[in-house]
């Protein structure tokens, strides 16, 4: 039987509730899923916007090997120097040149003789008008292919069409593509014809007593008044949402992909009496 690499990805970690549940339960999830490599999106981990060095350390201490980002990667400027000096904290590759940090890296998979490439991209539809993620993906995948065929992509994007178009674009050249940013876990995990594992959005890790991690009363007021309200982090009913992908180590093709939600959402309150 071919050797397989098990990759656990944790969706957008939002503020203290997200960090707390990760620190509490991620080590157990890693053990239960026999994960060889762990990636987490941390761009919302500091007060709901951005990340800092202390949180990066806390995530690494909890078992995360690489942290990806998105449109809030640059919200906390004090982390810029750390981003320049450490390649385990990524930001979207297709931001213009001159910004802090890197958008991809190739890493040793502990306990194996294999390496994994991790690429962070950001969409442009309904988002900031940055550089083309498709050409950025082409360039980065070519570079990573010089060292490994196991390639994981986090595309931080609003539009589902842009995410799935990217999946078709890189199918056969990457192992897994998982979407982030919308904070809602989708149920469309599947394997594309050329071996790419895909999920439109991994979902949010944090408080679901909320509107996407934000205090629901504040969020409702935004919609009812049409006026910007100060962001306030929600608390309660925390969940970890993510993805488990299993990749053939020799071919780089995904052989299994599934959504991971812990604890599972309560989906029924039927009274059968």
Protein backbone atom coordinates (compact mmCIF):
# COMPACT_ATOMS: atom_id res chain seq x y z
CA UNK A 1 0.00 0.00 0.00
CA UNK A 2 1.31 3.44 -0.96
CA UNK A 3 2.40 5.70 1.87
CA UNK A 4 -0.13 8.37 2.70
CA UNK A 5 0.19 11.81 4.27
CA UNK A 6 -2.64 13.05 6.46
CA UNK A 7 -3.10 16.83 6.44
CA UNK A 8 -5.32 18.59 8.98
CA UNK A 9 -6.39 22.13 8.14
CA UNK A 10 -8.07 24.46 10.65
CA UNK A 11 -10.38 27.15 9.24
CA UNK A 12 -10.31 30.85 10.13
CA UNK A 13 -9.46 31.14 13.84
CA UNK A 14 -11.43 34.09 15.21
CA UNK A 15 -10.17 35.95 18.27
CA UNK A 16 -9.83 34.55 21.79
CA UNK A 17 -12.69 32.01 21.53
CA UNK A 18 -11.07 30.48 18.45
CA UNK A 19 -7.60 30.41 19.96
CA UNK A 20 -8.87 28.92 23.21
CA UNK A 21 -10.70 26.03 21.57
CA UNK A 22 -7.70 25.32 19.36
CA UNK A 23 -5.36 25.22 22.35
CA UNK A 24 -7.80 22.99 24.23
CA UNK A 25 -8.78 20.45 21.59
CA UNK A 26 -6.36 20.58 18.64
CA UNK A 27 -3.76 18.23 20.22
CA UNK A 28 -6.50 15.62 20.66
CA UNK A 29 -7.79 16.10 17.11
CA UNK A 30 -4.28 15.68 15.74
CA UNK A 31 -3.98 12.39 17.62
CA UNK A 32 -7.45 11.14 16.67
CA UNK A 33 -7.01 11.94 12.98
CA UNK A 34 -3.37 10.76 12.97
CA UNK A 35 -2.41 14.01 11.27
CA UNK A 36 1.12 14.23 9.89
CA UNK A 37 0.98 17.95 9.12
CA UNK A 38 -1.24 20.76 10.46
CA UNK A 39 -2.08 24.06 8.78
CA UNK A 40 -4.33 26.78 10.24
CA UNK A 41 -5.67 30.07 8.94
CA UNK A 42 -4.90 32.68 11.61
CA UNK A 43 -5.62 36.05 9.98
CA UNK A 44 -8.55 36.76 12.34
CA UNK A 45 -6.94 35.40 15.49
CA UNK A 46 -6.00 38.70 17.19
CA UNK A 47 -9.16 40.52 18.33
CA UNK A 48 -10.91 39.39 15.15
CA UNK A 49 -8.50 41.15 12.77
CA UNK A 50 -4.85 40.23 12.19
CA UNK A 51 -2.36 38.18 14.16
CA UNK A 52 0.55 38.76 16.52
CA UNK A 53 3.73 36.95 17.51
CA UNK A 54 2.28 35.61 20.76
CA UNK A 55 -0.61 33.95 18.93
CA UNK A 56 1.76 32.50 16.34
CA UNK A 57 3.74 30.89 19.15
CA UNK A 58 0.56 29.60 20.82
CA UNK A 59 -0.60 27.99 17.58
CA UNK A 60 2.79 26.36 16.98
CA UNK A 61 2.79 25.09 20.57
CA UNK A 62 -0.65 23.55 19.94
CA UNK A 63 0.64 21.55 16.98
CA UNK A 64 0.21 23.87 13.99
CA UNK A 65 3.13 23.71 11.55
CA UNK A 66 2.14 26.50 9.13
CA UNK A 67 -0.23 29.48 9.56
CA UNK A 68 -1.94 31.00 6.52
CA UNK A 69 -3.57 34.40 6.17
CA UNK A 70 -5.85 36.58 4.09
CA UNK A 71 -7.14 40.13 3.75
CA UNK A 72 -6.44 40.83 7.45
CA UNK A 73 -2.85 39.53 7.41
CA UNK A 74 -1.48 43.06 7.50
CA UNK A 75 -3.88 44.58 10.08
CA UNK A 76 -1.39 44.40 12.98
CA UNK A 77 1.83 46.07 11.83
CA UNK A 78 3.93 44.87 14.78
CA UNK A 79 3.96 41.36 13.27
CA UNK A 80 5.55 42.51 9.99
CA UNK A 81 9.16 41.95 11.05
CA UNK A 82 8.34 38.47 12.35
CA UNK A 83 6.66 37.70 9.01
CA UNK A 84 9.82 38.77 7.21
CA UNK A 85 12.01 36.47 9.29
CA UNK A 86 9.85 33.33 9.58
CA UNK A 87 8.40 31.30 6.72
CA UNK A 88 5.89 29.36 8.86
CA UNK A 89 3.56 32.39 8.84
CA UNK A 90 2.22 32.98 5.32
CA UNK A 91 0.20 35.77 3.76
CA UNK A 92 -1.48 35.73 0.31
CA UNK A 93 1.21 35.49 -2.36
CA UNK A 94 -0.59 37.76 -4.81
CA UNK A 95 -0.27 40.94 -2.75
CA UNK A 96 2.01 43.39 -4.59
CA UNK A 97 5.75 43.08 -4.13
CA UNK A 98 7.29 44.91 -1.20
CA UNK A 99 4.83 43.70 1.44
CA UNK A 100 6.11 41.80 4.46
CA UNK A 101 6.21 38.03 4.52
CA UNK A 102 6.03 35.21 2.00
CA UNK A 103 3.12 33.54 0.25
CA UNK A 104 4.33 29.96 0.05
CA UNK A 105 6.91 27.58 1.45
CA UNK A 106 8.11 23.99 1.31
CA UNK A 107 8.36 22.20 4.65
CA UNK A 108 9.60 18.88 6.02
CA UNK A 109 6.76 16.63 7.16
CA UNK A 110 7.83 15.42 10.62
CA UNK A 111 8.46 11.70 10.95
CA UNK A 112 8.50 11.10 7.20
CA UNK A 113 10.94 11.50 4.34
CA UNK A 114 8.55 13.78 2.48
CA UNK A 115 8.00 17.51 2.07
CA UNK A 116 4.84 19.55 1.61
CA UNK A 117 4.37 22.80 -0.24
CA UNK A 118 1.83 25.25 1.23
CA UNK A 119 0.50 28.15 -0.86
CA UNK A 120 -1.66 31.04 0.35
CA UNK A 121 -3.69 32.99 -2.22
CA UNK A 122 -6.38 35.66 -2.05
CA UNK A 123 -9.30 36.15 -4.43
CA UNK A 124 -10.14 39.45 -6.10
CA UNK A 125 -13.90 39.22 -6.67
CA UNK A 126 -15.69 41.46 -4.11
CA UNK A 127 -12.31 41.94 -2.39
CA UNK A 128 -9.25 44.19 -2.59
CA UNK A 129 -7.99 44.73 -6.17
CA UNK A 130 -4.63 42.96 -5.76
CA UNK A 131 -2.57 40.93 -8.23
CA UNK A 132 -3.89 37.95 -10.21
CA UNK A 133 -4.06 34.81 -8.02
CA UNK A 134 -4.15 32.46 -11.03
CA UNK A 135 -0.79 33.52 -12.46
CA UNK A 136 0.62 33.63 -8.91
CA UNK A 137 -0.52 30.03 -8.41
CA UNK A 138 1.12 28.97 -11.68
CA UNK A 139 4.46 30.44 -10.65
CA UNK A 140 4.42 29.15 -7.07
CA UNK A 141 3.33 25.62 -7.98
CA UNK A 142 6.12 25.39 -10.54
CA UNK A 143 8.64 26.42 -7.88
CA UNK A 144 7.26 24.02 -5.26
CA UNK A 145 7.18 21.14 -7.76
CA UNK A 146 10.98 21.31 -7.83
CA UNK A 147 10.94 19.88 -4.28
CA UNK A 148 7.63 18.04 -3.79
CA UNK A 149 4.42 16.83 -5.42
CA UNK A 150 2.44 17.29 -2.19
CA UNK A 151 0.97 20.79 -2.44
CA UNK A 152 -1.75 22.34 -0.26
CA UNK A 153 -3.47 25.61 -1.24
CA UNK A 154 -5.51 27.93 0.99
CA UNK A 155 -7.44 30.38 -1.19
CA UNK A 156 -8.93 33.19 0.87
CA UNK A 157 -11.80 34.42 -1.26
CA UNK A 158 -15.36 35.72 -1.14
CA UNK A 159 -16.71 34.30 -4.40
CA UNK A 160 -17.36 30.58 -4.61
CA UNK A 161 -16.98 30.79 -8.41
CA UNK A 162 -13.44 32.10 -8.01
CA UNK A 163 -12.54 29.29 -5.60
CA UNK A 164 -13.88 26.50 -7.77
CA UNK A 165 -12.36 28.06 -10.90
CA UNK A 166 -8.98 28.01 -9.17
CA UNK A 167 -9.57 24.35 -8.34
CA UNK A 168 -10.12 23.48 -11.99
CA UNK A 169 -7.11 25.60 -12.92
CA UNK A 170 -4.70 23.68 -10.66
CA UNK A 171 -6.27 20.20 -10.73
CA UNK A 172 -3.49 17.72 -11.52
CA UNK A 173 -0.81 20.11 -10.27
CA UNK A 174 -1.73 20.43 -6.58
CA UNK A 175 -2.97 17.96 -3.96
CA UNK A 176 -5.58 19.95 -2.02
CA UNK A 177 -7.32 23.31 -2.33
CA UNK A 178 -9.42 24.59 0.57
CA UNK A 179 -11.27 27.88 0.63
CA UNK A 180 -11.37 30.26 3.58
CA UNK A 181 -12.78 33.73 4.37
CA UNK A 182 -16.58 33.26 4.36
CA UNK A 183 -16.53 31.60 7.82
CA UNK A 184 -19.28 29.12 6.90
CA UNK A 185 -18.33 25.44 6.44
CA UNK A 186 -19.55 24.00 3.14
CA UNK A 187 -20.56 20.40 2.46
CA UNK A 188 -19.00 19.91 -0.97
CA UNK A 189 -15.79 18.02 -0.17
CA UNK A 190 -14.76 16.07 -3.27
CA UNK A 191 -11.85 14.93 -5.39
CA UNK A 192 -11.45 16.44 -8.86
CA UNK A 193 -10.70 14.26 -11.92
CA UNK A 194 -6.91 14.74 -11.79
CA UNK A 195 -6.62 14.15 -8.04
CA UNK A 196 -7.18 17.55 -6.38
CA UNK A 197 -9.03 17.40 -3.06
CA UNK A 198 -11.42 20.34 -2.75
CA UNK A 199 -13.72 22.11 -0.28
CA UNK A 200 -15.22 25.54 -0.99
CA UNK A 201 -14.87 26.78 2.59
CA UNK A 202 -13.49 25.16 5.73
CA UNK A 203 -15.58 27.37 7.98
CA UNK A 204 -14.70 29.35 11.09
CA UNK A 205 -13.04 28.27 14.31
CA UNK A 206 -14.51 30.31 17.14
CA UNK A 207 -17.86 31.39 18.57
CA UNK A 208 -20.97 30.36 16.65
CA UNK A 209 -23.10 32.38 19.07
CA UNK A 210 -22.39 35.11 16.58
CA UNK A 211 -22.49 36.48 13.07
CA UNK A 212 -19.22 35.12 11.63
CA UNK A 213 -17.51 35.56 15.01
CA UNK A 214 -18.92 39.04 15.59
CA UNK A 215 -21.38 39.87 18.39
CA UNK A 216 -24.76 39.21 16.79
CA UNK A 217 -26.45 42.32 18.22
CA UNK A 218 -23.76 44.52 16.71
CA UNK A 219 -24.02 42.67 13.40
CA UNK A 220 -27.80 43.05 13.29
CA UNK A 221 -27.45 46.76 14.03
CA UNK A 222 -25.08 47.11 11.07
CA UNK A 223 -27.70 45.62 8.77
CA UNK A 224 -30.73 47.44 10.20
CA UNK A 225 -29.13 50.89 10.35
CA UNK A 226 -26.84 50.69 7.34
CA UNK A 227 -24.16 52.35 9.48
CA UNK A 228 -20.76 50.94 10.45
CA UNK A 229 -20.61 49.62 14.01
CA UNK A 230 -17.48 48.92 16.05
CA UNK A 231 -16.44 45.27 15.79
CA UNK A 232 -17.11 43.29 18.97
CA UNK A 233 -15.97 39.69 19.37
CA UNK A 234 -18.67 37.16 20.28
CA UNK A 235 -18.40 34.43 22.91
CA UNK A 236 -20.01 31.06 23.49
CA UNK A 237 -20.80 27.92 21.46
CA UNK A 238 -17.27 27.55 20.09
CA UNK A 239 -16.40 25.00 17.43
CA UNK A 240 -13.34 23.99 15.44
CA UNK A 241 -14.07 23.77 11.72
CA UNK A 242 -11.57 22.42 9.26
CA UNK A 243 -10.61 19.71 6.80
CA UNK A 244 -8.82 16.38 6.83
CA UNK A 245 -7.15 15.45 3.56
CA UNK A 246 -5.24 12.25 2.83
CA UNK A 247 -2.66 12.42 0.04
CA UNK A 248 -0.70 9.70 -1.74
CA UNK A 249 2.88 10.62 -0.88
CA UNK A 250 4.34 9.39 -4.16
CA UNK A 251 1.86 10.86 -6.64
CA UNK A 252 0.69 13.91 -4.69
CA UNK A 253 -2.93 13.04 -5.49
CA UNK A 254 -5.64 13.33 -2.85
CA UNK A 255 -7.30 10.02 -2.01
CA UNK A 256 -9.69 11.25 0.69
CA UNK A 257 -11.06 14.58 1.91
CA UNK A 258 -13.66 15.36 4.56
CA UNK A 259 -14.93 18.25 6.64
CA UNK A 260 -13.94 18.26 10.31
CA UNK A 261 -16.24 19.93 12.86
CA UNK A 262 -15.65 19.63 16.60
CA UNK A 263 -17.82 19.50 18.52
CA UNK A 264 -20.44 18.73 15.87
CA UNK A 265 -23.30 21.18 15.47
CA UNK A 266 -26.63 20.27 17.00
CA UNK A 267 -28.85 19.65 13.98
CA UNK A 268 -32.05 18.43 15.57
CA UNK A 269 -34.25 19.15 18.58
CA UNK A 270 -37.12 16.89 17.61
CA UNK A 271 -39.27 15.56 20.42
CA UNK A 272 -40.13 11.96 19.58
CA UNK A 273 -42.37 11.46 22.60
